[in-house]
Amino acid sequence: GTANSWGTSEMTLVTDHTWEVEVNFDGQANQRFKL
């Protein structure tokens, strides 16, 4: 997303079927992301 310039921040499987990643958002206009 915009928070990582649309790069690839790998998410971690922390428990059954649950993935997570910490993201630092800057609140910029039109801030968005995808998985």
Full PDB file with SEQRES, HELIX, SHEET, SSBOND, CRYST1, ORIGX, SCALE, CONECT and MASTER records, all heavy atoms in Angstrom:
SEQRES   1 A   35  GLY THR ALA ASN SER TRP GLY THR SER GLU MET THR LEU          
SEQRES   2 A   35  VAL THR ASP HIS THR TRP GLU VAL GLU VAL ASN PHE ASP          
SEQRES   3 A   35  GLY GLN ALA ASN GLN ARG PHE LYS LEU                          
HELIX    1 AA1 THR A    2  ASN A    4  5                                   3    
SHEET    1 AA1 2 THR A  12  THR A  15  0                                        
SHEET    2 AA1 2 THR A  18  GLU A  20 -1                                        
CRYST1    1.000    1.000    1.000  90.00  90.00  90.00 P 1           1          
ORIGX1      1.000000  0.000000  0.000000        0.00000                         
ORIGX2      0.000000  1.000000  0.000000        0.00000                         
ORIGX3      0.000000  0.000000  1.000000        0.00000                         
SCALE1      1.000000  0.000000  0.000000        0.00000                         
SCALE2      0.000000  1.000000  0.000000        0.00000                         
SCALE3      0.000000  0.000000  1.000000        0.00000                         
ATOM      1  N   GLY A   1       0.808  -1.203   0.000  1.00  0.00           N  
ATOM      2  CA  GLY A   1       0.000   0.000   0.000  1.00  0.00           C  
ATOM      3  C   GLY A   1       0.845   1.258   0.000  1.00  0.00           C  
ATOM      4  O   GLY A   1       2.067   1.216  -0.182  1.00  0.00           O  
ATOM      5  N   THR A   2       0.184   2.381   0.205  1.00  0.00           N  
ATOM      6  CA  THR A   2       0.909   3.657   0.212  1.00  0.00           C  
ATOM      7  C   THR A   2       1.900   3.727   1.367  1.00  0.00           C  
ATOM      8  O   THR A   2       2.911   4.421   1.289  1.00  0.00           O  
ATOM      9  CB  THR A   2      -0.081   4.822   0.305  1.00  0.00           C  
ATOM     10  OG1 THR A   2      -0.948   4.625   1.440  1.00  0.00           O  
ATOM     11  CG2 THR A   2      -0.938   4.922  -0.955  1.00  0.00           C  
ATOM     12  N   ALA A   3       1.611   3.030   2.472  1.00  0.00           N  
ATOM     13  CA  ALA A   3       2.484   3.078   3.641  1.00  0.00           C  
ATOM     14  C   ALA A   3       3.858   2.477   3.381  1.00  0.00           C  
ATOM     15  O   ALA A   3       4.838   2.845   4.032  1.00  0.00           O  
ATOM     16  CB  ALA A   3       1.826   2.365   4.825  1.00  0.00           C  
ATOM     17  N   ASN A   4       3.958   1.538   2.444  1.00  0.00           N  
ATOM     18  CA  ASN A   4       5.270   0.965   2.102  1.00  0.00           C  
ATOM     19  C   ASN A   4       5.586   1.131   0.620  1.00  0.00           C  
ATOM     20  O   ASN A   4       6.301   0.327   0.027  1.00  0.00           O  
ATOM     21  CB  ASN A   4       5.355  -0.515   2.500  1.00  0.00           C  
ATOM     22  CG  ASN A   4       4.416  -1.401   1.691  1.00  0.00           C  
ATOM     23  OD1 ASN A   4       3.521  -0.921   0.995  1.00  0.00           O  
ATOM     24  ND2 ASN A   4       4.616  -2.714   1.775  1.00  0.00           N  
ATOM     25  N   SER A   5       5.025   2.215   0.044  1.00  0.00           N  
ATOM     26  CA  SER A   5       5.245   2.538  -1.377  1.00  0.00           C  
ATOM     27  C   SER A   5       4.889   1.373  -2.286  1.00  0.00           C  
ATOM     28  O   SER A   5       5.543   1.139  -3.302  1.00  0.00           O  
ATOM     29  CB  SER A   5       6.703   2.975  -1.604  1.00  0.00           C  
ATOM     30  OG  SER A   5       7.014   4.112  -0.817  1.00  0.00           O  
ATOM     31  N   TRP A   6       3.861   0.629  -1.883  1.00  0.00           N  
ATOM     32  CA  TRP A   6       3.359  -0.518  -2.650  1.00  0.00           C  
ATOM     33  C   TRP A   6       4.414  -1.607  -2.826  1.00  0.00           C  
ATOM     34  O   TRP A   6       4.407  -2.362  -3.802  1.00  0.00           O  
ATOM     35  CB  TRP A   6       2.800  -0.087  -4.011  1.00  0.00           C  
ATOM     36  CG  TRP A   6       1.613   0.806  -3.862  1.00  0.00           C  
ATOM     37  CD1 TRP A   6       1.602   2.167  -3.915  1.00  0.00           C  
ATOM     38  CD2 TRP A   6       0.269   0.422  -3.580  1.00  0.00           C  
ATOM     39  NE1 TRP A   6       0.343   2.668  -3.693  1.00  0.00           N  
ATOM     40  CE2 TRP A   6      -0.519   1.611  -3.484  1.00  0.00           C  
ATOM     41  CE3 TRP A   6      -0.372  -0.801  -3.408  1.00  0.00           C  
ATOM     42  CZ2 TRP A   6      -1.878   1.603  -3.225  1.00  0.00           C  
ATOM     43  CZ3 TRP A   6      -1.742  -0.803  -3.140  1.00  0.00           C  
ATOM     44  CH2 TRP A   6      -2.480   0.381  -3.059  1.00  0.00           C  
ATOM     45  N   GLY A   7       5.312  -1.685  -1.846  1.00  0.00           N  
ATOM     46  CA  GLY A   7       6.271  -2.791  -1.832  1.00  0.00           C  
ATOM     47  C   GLY A   7       5.625  -4.047  -1.271  1.00  0.00           C  
ATOM     48  O   GLY A   7       4.384  -4.169  -1.245  1.00  0.00           O  
ATOM     49  N   THR A   8       6.421  -4.979  -0.785  1.00  0.00           N  
ATOM     50  CA  THR A   8       5.902  -6.230  -0.244  1.00  0.00           C  
ATOM     51  C   THR A   8       6.377  -6.399   1.188  1.00  0.00           C  
ATOM     52  O   THR A   8       7.535  -6.730   1.430  1.00  0.00           O  
ATOM     53  CB  THR A   8       6.351  -7.434  -1.085  1.00  0.00           C  
ATOM     54  OG1 THR A   8       7.782  -7.367  -1.271  1.00  0.00           O  
ATOM     55  CG2 THR A   8       5.675  -7.441  -2.444  1.00  0.00           C  
ATOM     56  N   SER A   9       5.489  -6.144   2.148  1.00  0.00           N  
ATOM     57  CA  SER A   9       5.779  -6.377   3.561  1.00  0.00           C  
ATOM     58  C   SER A   9       5.160  -7.716   3.944  1.00  0.00           C  
ATOM     59  O   SER A   9       3.931  -7.865   3.980  1.00  0.00           O  
ATOM     60  CB  SER A   9       5.198  -5.258   4.431  1.00  0.00           C  
ATOM     61  OG  SER A   9       5.808  -4.021   4.118  1.00  0.00           O  
ATOM     62  N   GLU A  10       6.018  -8.703   4.202  1.00  0.00           N  
ATOM     63  CA  GLU A  10       5.525 -10.060   4.443  1.00  0.00           C  
ATOM     64  C   GLU A  10       4.812 -10.156   5.783  1.00  0.00           C  
ATOM     65  O   GLU A  10       5.295  -9.676   6.804  1.00  0.00           O  
ATOM     66  CB  GLU A  10       6.676 -11.057   4.395  1.00  0.00           C  
ATOM     67  CG  GLU A  10       6.240 -12.511   4.465  1.00  0.00           C  
ATOM     68  CD  GLU A  10       7.352 -13.488   4.173  1.00  0.00           C  
ATOM     69  OE1 GLU A  10       8.514 -13.037   4.067  1.00  0.00           O  
ATOM     70  OE2 GLU A  10       7.074 -14.701   4.056  1.00  0.00           O  
ATOM     71  N   MET A  11       3.645 -10.803   5.783  1.00  0.00           N  
ATOM     72  CA  MET A  11       2.886 -11.017   6.997  1.00  0.00           C  
ATOM     73  C   MET A  11       3.288 -12.341   7.631  1.00  0.00           C  
ATOM     74  O   MET A  11       3.782 -13.250   6.962  1.00  0.00           O  
ATOM     75  CB  MET A  11       1.385 -10.979   6.703  1.00  0.00           C  
ATOM     76  CG  MET A  11       0.925  -9.672   6.073  1.00  0.00           C  
ATOM     77  SD  MET A  11      -0.875  -9.549   5.849  1.00  0.00           S  
ATOM     78  CE  MET A  11      -1.431  -9.411   7.552  1.00  0.00           C  
ATOM     79  N   THR A  12       3.077 -12.465   8.943  1.00  0.00           N  
ATOM     80  CA  THR A  12       3.486 -13.640   9.702  1.00  0.00           C  
ATOM     81  C   THR A  12       2.269 -14.433  10.146  1.00  0.00           C  
ATOM     82  O   THR A  12       1.281 -13.856  10.626  1.00  0.00           O  
ATOM     83  CB  THR A  12       4.295 -13.224  10.942  1.00  0.00           C  
ATOM     84  OG1 THR A  12       5.442 -12.473  10.529  1.00  0.00           O  
ATOM     85  CG2 THR A  12       4.769 -14.445  11.720  1.00  0.00           C  
ATOM     86  N   LEU A  13       2.334 -15.764   9.994  1.00  0.00           N  
ATOM     87  CA  LEU A  13       1.270 -16.640  10.479  1.00  0.00           C  
ATOM     88  C   LEU A  13       1.492 -16.846  11.979  1.00  0.00           C  
ATOM     89  O   LEU A  13       2.430 -17.539  12.393  1.00  0.00           O  
ATOM     90  CB  LEU A  13       1.298 -17.978   9.737  1.00  0.00           C  
ATOM     91  CG  LEU A  13       0.202 -18.980  10.084  1.00  0.00           C  
ATOM     92  CD1 LEU A  13      -1.155 -18.487   9.606  1.00  0.00           C  
ATOM     93  CD2 LEU A  13       0.507 -20.348   9.460  1.00  0.00           C  
ATOM     94  N   VAL A  14       0.662 -16.226  12.820  1.00  0.00           N  
ATOM     95  CA  VAL A  14       0.902 -16.219  14.260  1.00  0.00           C  
ATOM     96  C   VAL A  14       0.099 -17.286  14.999  1.00  0.00           C  
ATOM     97  O   VAL A  14       0.488 -17.721  16.093  1.00  0.00           O  
ATOM     98  CB  VAL A  14       0.609 -14.828  14.855  1.00  0.00           C  
ATOM     99  CG1 VAL A  14       1.615 -13.817  14.350  1.00  0.00           C  
ATOM    100  CG2 VAL A  14      -0.815 -14.373  14.530  1.00  0.00           C  
ATOM    101  N   THR A  15      -1.022 -17.696  14.453  1.00  0.00           N  
ATOM    102  CA  THR A  15      -1.841 -18.760  15.020  1.00  0.00           C  
ATOM    103  C   THR A  15      -2.688 -19.325  13.886  1.00  0.00           C  
ATOM    104  O   THR A  15      -2.568 -18.880  12.743  1.00  0.00           O  
ATOM    105  CB  THR A  15      -2.715 -18.230  16.175  1.00  0.00           C  
ATOM    106  OG1 THR A  15      -3.375 -19.344  16.815  1.00  0.00           O  
ATOM    107  CG2 THR A  15      -3.752 -17.236  15.685  1.00  0.00           C  
ATOM    108  N   ASP A  16      -3.533 -20.303  14.176  1.00  0.00           N  
ATOM    109  CA  ASP A  16      -4.299 -20.950  13.110  1.00  0.00           C  
ATOM    110  C   ASP A  16      -5.026 -19.923  12.248  1.00  0.00           C  
ATOM    111  O   ASP A  16      -5.861 -19.151  12.746  1.00  0.00           O  
ATOM    112  CB  ASP A  16      -5.329 -21.913  13.703  1.00  0.00           C  
ATOM    113  CG  ASP A  16      -4.691 -23.191  14.230  1.00  0.00           C  
ATOM    114  OD1 ASP A  16      -3.480 -23.371  14.034  1.00  0.00           O  
ATOM    115  OD2 ASP A  16      -5.413 -24.002  14.853  1.00  0.00           O  
ATOM    116  N   HIS A  17      -4.657 -19.895  10.964  1.00  0.00           N  
ATOM    117  CA  HIS A  17      -5.340 -19.085   9.945  1.00  0.00           C  
ATOM    118  C   HIS A  17      -5.259 -17.581  10.178  1.00  0.00           C  
ATOM    119  O   HIS A  17      -5.993 -16.821   9.540  1.00  0.00           O  
ATOM    120  CB  HIS A  17      -6.807 -19.509   9.820  1.00  0.00           C  
ATOM    121  CG  HIS A  17      -6.994 -20.947   9.464  1.00  0.00           C  
ATOM    122  ND1 HIS A  17      -6.627 -21.462   8.242  1.00  0.00           N  
ATOM    123  CD2 HIS A  17      -7.491 -21.991  10.194  1.00  0.00           C  
ATOM    124  CE1 HIS A  17      -6.898 -22.770   8.216  1.00  0.00           C  
ATOM    125  NE2 HIS A  17      -7.410 -23.107   9.384  1.00  0.00           N  
ATOM    126  N   THR A  18      -4.383 -17.125  11.066  1.00  0.00           N  
ATOM    127  CA  THR A  18      -4.294 -15.698  11.380  1.00  0.00           C  
ATOM    128  C   THR A  18      -2.923 -15.149  11.011  1.00  0.00           C  
ATOM    129  O   THR A  18      -1.902 -15.598  11.532  1.00  0.00           O  
ATOM    130  CB  THR A  18      -4.565 -15.438  12.872  1.00  0.00           C  
ATOM    131  OG1 THR A  18      -5.859 -15.940  13.206  1.00  0.00           O  
ATOM    132  CG2 THR A  18      -4.513 -13.945  13.172  1.00  0.00           C  
ATOM    133  N   TRP A  19      -2.932 -14.164  10.111  1.00  0.00           N  
ATOM    134  CA  TRP A  19      -1.719 -13.509   9.650  1.00  0.00           C  
ATOM    135  C   TRP A  19      -1.698 -12.080  10.182  1.00  0.00           C  
ATOM    136  O   TRP A  19      -2.741 -11.451  10.293  1.00  0.00           O  
ATOM    137  CB  TRP A  19      -1.684 -13.467   8.118  1.00  0.00           C  
ATOM    138  CG  TRP A  19      -1.713 -14.809   7.466  1.00  0.00           C  
ATOM    139  CD1 TRP A  19      -2.811 -15.620   7.276  1.00  0.00           C  
ATOM    140  CD2 TRP A  19      -0.606 -15.524   6.913  1.00  0.00           C  
ATOM    141  NE1 TRP A  19      -2.452 -16.778   6.636  1.00  0.00           N  
ATOM    142  CE2 TRP A  19      -1.101 -16.750   6.394  1.00  0.00           C  
ATOM    143  CE3 TRP A  19       0.757 -15.233   6.788  1.00  0.00           C  
ATOM    144  CZ2 TRP A  19      -0.272 -17.684   5.782  1.00  0.00           C  
ATOM    145  CZ3 TRP A  19       1.583 -16.163   6.176  1.00  0.00           C  
ATOM    146  CH2 TRP A  19       1.071 -17.370   5.682  1.00  0.00           C  
ATOM    147  N   GLU A  20      -0.492 -11.567  10.487  1.00  0.00           N  
ATOM    148  CA  GLU A  20      -0.432 -10.190  10.946  1.00  0.00           C  
ATOM    149  C   GLU A  20       0.885  -9.527  10.540  1.00  0.00           C  
ATOM    150  O   GLU A  20       1.894 -10.181  10.274  1.00  0.00           O  
ATOM    151  CB  GLU A  20      -0.613 -10.103  12.464  1.00  0.00           C  
ATOM    152  CG  GLU A  20       0.515 -10.651  13.283  1.00  0.00           C  
ATOM    153  CD  GLU A  20       0.308 -10.447  14.788  1.00  0.00           C  
ATOM    154  OE1 GLU A  20      -0.853 -10.384  15.248  1.00  0.00           O  
ATOM    155  OE2 GLU A  20       1.327 -10.361  15.500  1.00  0.00           O  
ATOM    156  N   VAL A  21       0.832  -8.199  10.511  1.00  0.00           N  
ATOM    157  CA  VAL A  21       2.007  -7.382  10.244  1.00  0.00           C  
ATOM    158  C   VAL A  21       1.759  -6.003  10.840  1.00  0.00           C  
ATOM    159  O   VAL A  21       0.625  -5.519  10.858  1.00  0.00           O  
ATOM    160  CB  VAL A  21       2.294  -7.267   8.724  1.00  0.00           C  
ATOM    161  CG1 VAL A  21       1.196  -6.505   8.002  1.00  0.00           C  
ATOM    162  CG2 VAL A  21       3.643  -6.619   8.471  1.00  0.00           C  
ATOM    163  N   GLU A  22       2.807  -5.389  11.377  1.00  0.00           N  
ATOM    164  CA  GLU A  22       2.691  -4.038  11.901  1.00  0.00           C  
ATOM    165  C   GLU A  22       2.999  -3.051  10.779  1.00  0.00           C  
ATOM    166  O   GLU A  22       4.011  -3.175  10.093  1.00  0.00           O  
ATOM    167  CB  GLU A  22       3.650  -3.822  13.065  1.00  0.00           C  
ATOM    168  CG  GLU A  22       3.523  -2.451  13.714  1.00  0.00           C  
ATOM    169  CD  GLU A  22       4.409  -2.292  14.936  1.00  0.00           C  
ATOM    170  OE1 GLU A  22       4.698  -3.307  15.610  1.00  0.00           O  
ATOM    171  OE2 GLU A  22       4.823  -1.137  15.218  1.00  0.00           O  
ATOM    172  N   VAL A  23       2.106  -2.082  10.611  1.00  0.00           N  
ATOM    173  CA  VAL A  23       2.241  -1.107   9.535  1.00  0.00           C  
ATOM    174  C   VAL A  23       2.248   0.296  10.135  1.00  0.00           C  
ATOM    175  O   VAL A  23       1.418   0.612  10.999  1.00  0.00           O  
ATOM    176  CB  VAL A  23       1.079  -1.221   8.523  1.00  0.00           C  
ATOM    177  CG1 VAL A  23       1.256  -0.209   7.387  1.00  0.00           C  
ATOM    178  CG2 VAL A  23       0.977  -2.631   7.976  1.00  0.00           C  
ATOM    179  N   ASN A  24       3.174   1.122   9.700  1.00  0.00           N  
ATOM    180  CA  ASN A  24       3.224   2.524  10.133  1.00  0.00           C  
ATOM    181  C   ASN A  24       2.538   3.398   9.079  1.00  0.00           C  
ATOM    182  O   ASN A  24       3.096   3.647   8.009  1.00  0.00           O  
ATOM    183  CB  ASN A  24       4.667   2.958  10.342  1.00  0.00           C  
ATOM    184  CG  ASN A  24       5.296   2.310  11.561  1.00  0.00           C  
ATOM    185  OD1 ASN A  24       4.756   2.408  12.657  1.00  0.00           O  
ATOM    186  ND2 ASN A  24       6.418   1.630  11.375  1.00  0.00           N  
ATOM    187  N   PHE A  25       1.336   3.839   9.396  1.00  0.00           N  
ATOM    188  CA  PHE A  25       0.572   4.698   8.500  1.00  0.00           C  
ATOM    189  C   PHE A  25       0.903   6.171   8.790  1.00  0.00           C  
ATOM    190  O   PHE A  25       1.119   6.549   9.950  1.00  0.00           O  
ATOM    191  CB  PHE A  25      -0.924   4.471   8.669  1.00  0.00           C  
ATOM    192  CG  PHE A  25      -1.400   3.119   8.216  1.00  0.00           C  
ATOM    193  CD1 PHE A  25      -1.514   2.068   9.117  1.00  0.00           C  
ATOM    194  CD2 PHE A  25      -1.737   2.892   6.894  1.00  0.00           C  
ATOM    195  CE1 PHE A  25      -1.949   0.821   8.705  1.00  0.00           C  
ATOM    196  CE2 PHE A  25      -2.181   1.654   6.463  1.00  0.00           C  
ATOM    197  CZ  PHE A  25      -2.282   0.612   7.370  1.00  0.00           C  
ATOM    198  N   ASP A  26       0.922   6.995   7.743  1.00  0.00           N  
ATOM    199  CA  ASP A  26       1.229   8.419   7.936  1.00  0.00           C  
ATOM    200  C   ASP A  26       0.015   9.319   7.728  1.00  0.00           C  
ATOM    201  O   ASP A  26       0.117  10.539   7.803  1.00  0.00           O  
ATOM    202  CB  ASP A  26       2.373   8.856   7.021  1.00  0.00           C  
ATOM    203  CG  ASP A  26       2.071   8.641   5.539  1.00  0.00           C  
ATOM    204  OD1 ASP A  26       0.911   8.324   5.212  1.00  0.00           O  
ATOM    205  OD2 ASP A  26       2.996   8.785   4.720  1.00  0.00           O  
ATOM    206  N   GLY A  27      -1.156   8.721   7.478  1.00  0.00           N  
ATOM    207  CA  GLY A  27      -2.373   9.499   7.348  1.00  0.00           C  
ATOM    208  C   GLY A  27      -2.437  10.371   6.113  1.00  0.00           C  
ATOM    209  O   GLY A  27      -3.238  11.307   6.045  1.00  0.00           O  
ATOM    210  N   GLN A  28      -1.639  10.090   5.104  1.00  0.00           N  
ATOM    211  CA  GLN A  28      -1.618  10.909   3.894  1.00  0.00           C  
ATOM    212  C   GLN A  28      -2.950  10.832   3.159  1.00  0.00           C  
ATOM    213  O   GLN A  28      -3.758   9.925   3.373  1.00  0.00           O  
ATOM    214  CB  GLN A  28      -0.492  10.436   2.967  1.00  0.00           C  
ATOM    215  CG  GLN A  28      -0.665   9.018   2.448  1.00  0.00           C  
ATOM    216  CD  GLN A  28       0.435   8.607   1.489  1.00  0.00           C  
ATOM    217  OE1 GLN A  28       0.340   8.860   0.290  1.00  0.00           O  
ATOM    218  NE2 GLN A  28       1.481   7.984   2.022  1.00  0.00           N  
ATOM    219  N   ALA A  29      -3.177  11.788   2.309  1.00  0.00           N  
ATOM    220  CA  ALA A  29      -4.409  11.804   1.511  1.00  0.00           C  
ATOM    221  C   ALA A  29      -4.448  10.578   0.597  1.00  0.00           C  
ATOM    222  O   ALA A  29      -3.421  10.130   0.088  1.00  0.00           O  
ATOM    223  CB  ALA A  29      -4.464  13.086   0.681  1.00  0.00           C  
ATOM    224  N   ASN A  30      -5.634  10.034   0.434  1.00  0.00           N  
ATOM    225  CA  ASN A  30      -5.848   8.874  -0.427  1.00  0.00           C  
ATOM    226  C   ASN A  30      -5.011   7.677   0.031  1.00  0.00           C  
ATOM    227  O   ASN A  30      -4.513   6.899  -0.767  1.00  0.00           O  
ATOM    228  CB  ASN A  30      -5.521   9.203  -1.889  1.00  0.00           C  
ATOM    229  CG  ASN A  30      -6.166   8.220  -2.861  1.00  0.00           C  
ATOM    230  OD1 ASN A  30      -7.214   7.645  -2.573  1.00  0.00           O  
ATOM    231  ND2 ASN A  30      -5.533   8.031  -4.010  1.00  0.00           N  
ATOM    232  N   GLN A  31      -4.872   7.512   1.338  1.00  0.00           N  
ATOM    233  CA  GLN A  31      -4.110   6.398   1.912  1.00  0.00           C  
ATOM    234  C   GLN A  31      -4.882   5.095   1.721  1.00  0.00           C  
ATOM    235  O   GLN A  31      -6.065   5.019   2.036  1.00  0.00           O  
ATOM    236  CB  GLN A  31      -3.890   6.679   3.405  1.00  0.00           C  
ATOM    237  CG  GLN A  31      -3.059   5.638   4.117  1.00  0.00           C  
ATOM    238  CD  GLN A  31      -2.802   6.060   5.549  1.00  0.00           C  
ATOM    239  OE1 GLN A  31      -1.682   6.337   5.924  1.00  0.00           O  
ATOM    240  NE2 GLN A  31      -3.861   6.139   6.366  1.00  0.00           N  
ATOM    241  N   ARG A  32      -4.222   4.063   1.227  1.00  0.00           N  
ATOM    242  CA  ARG A  32      -4.918   2.821   0.912  1.00  0.00           C  
ATOM    243  C   ARG A  32      -3.938   1.662   0.845  1.00  0.00           C  
ATOM    244  O   ARG A  32      -2.725   1.859   0.811  1.00  0.00           O  
ATOM    245  CB  ARG A  32      -5.674   2.960  -0.420  1.00  0.00           C  
ATOM    246  CG  ARG A  32      -4.793   3.234  -1.613  1.00  0.00           C  
ATOM    247  CD  ARG A  32      -5.598   3.841  -2.758  1.00  0.00           C  
ATOM    248  NE  ARG A  32      -4.820   3.885  -4.001  1.00  0.00           N  
ATOM    249  CZ  ARG A  32      -3.927   4.823  -4.282  1.00  0.00           C  
ATOM    250  NH1 ARG A  32      -3.685   5.805  -3.416  1.00  0.00           N  
ATOM    251  NH2 ARG A  32      -3.267   4.799  -5.432  1.00  0.00           N  
ATOM    252  N   PHE A  33      -4.494   0.435   0.774  1.00  0.00           N  
ATOM    253  CA  PHE A  33      -3.649  -0.762   0.708  1.00  0.00           C  
ATOM    254  C   PHE A  33      -4.442  -1.935   0.155  1.00  0.00           C  
ATOM    255  O   PHE A  33      -5.668  -1.888   0.016  1.00  0.00           O  
ATOM    256  CB  PHE A  33      -3.070  -1.106   2.089  1.00  0.00           C  
ATOM    257  CG  PHE A  33      -4.105  -1.523   3.111  1.00  0.00           C  
ATOM    258  CD1 PHE A  33      -4.441  -2.860   3.289  1.00  0.00           C  
ATOM    259  CD2 PHE A  33      -4.731  -0.576   3.914  1.00  0.00           C  
ATOM    260  CE1 PHE A  33      -5.378  -3.245   4.245  1.00  0.00           C  
ATOM    261  CE2 PHE A  33      -5.669  -0.951   4.871  1.00  0.00           C  
ATOM    262  CZ  PHE A  33      -5.996  -2.289   5.026  1.00  0.00           C  
ATOM    263  N   LYS A  34      -3.716  -3.015  -0.139  1.00  0.00           N  
ATOM    264  CA  LYS A  34      -4.308  -4.283  -0.543  1.00  0.00           C  
ATOM    265  C   LYS A  34      -3.482  -5.413   0.074  1.00  0.00           C  
ATOM    266  O   LYS A  34      -2.384  -5.182   0.603  1.00  0.00           O  
ATOM    267  CB  LYS A  34      -4.339  -4.438  -2.076  1.00  0.00           C  
ATOM    268  CG  LYS A  34      -5.175  -3.389  -2.789  1.00  0.00           C  
ATOM    269  CD  LYS A  34      -5.376  -3.710  -4.268  1.00  0.00           C  
ATOM    270  CE  LYS A  34      -6.453  -4.753  -4.467  1.00  0.00           C  
ATOM    271  NZ  LYS A  34      -6.821  -4.926  -5.884  1.00  0.00           N  
ATOM    272  N   LEU A  35      -3.992  -6.633  -0.003  1.00  0.00           N  
ATOM    273  CA  LEU A  35      -3.281  -7.823   0.442  1.00  0.00           C  
ATOM    274  C   LEU A  35      -2.967  -8.681  -0.775  1.00  0.00           C  
ATOM    275  O   LEU A  35      -3.844  -8.903  -1.616  1.00  0.00           O  
ATOM    276  CB  LEU A  35      -4.117  -8.626   1.445  1.00  0.00           C  
ATOM    277  CG  LEU A  35      -4.236  -8.083   2.875  1.00  0.00           C  
ATOM    278  CD1 LEU A  35      -2.860  -7.816   3.468  1.00  0.00           C  
ATOM    279  CD2 LEU A  35      -5.076  -6.834   2.947  1.00  0.00           C  
TER     280      LEU A  35                                                      
MASTER        0    0    0    1    2    0    0    6  279    1    0    3          
END                                                                             
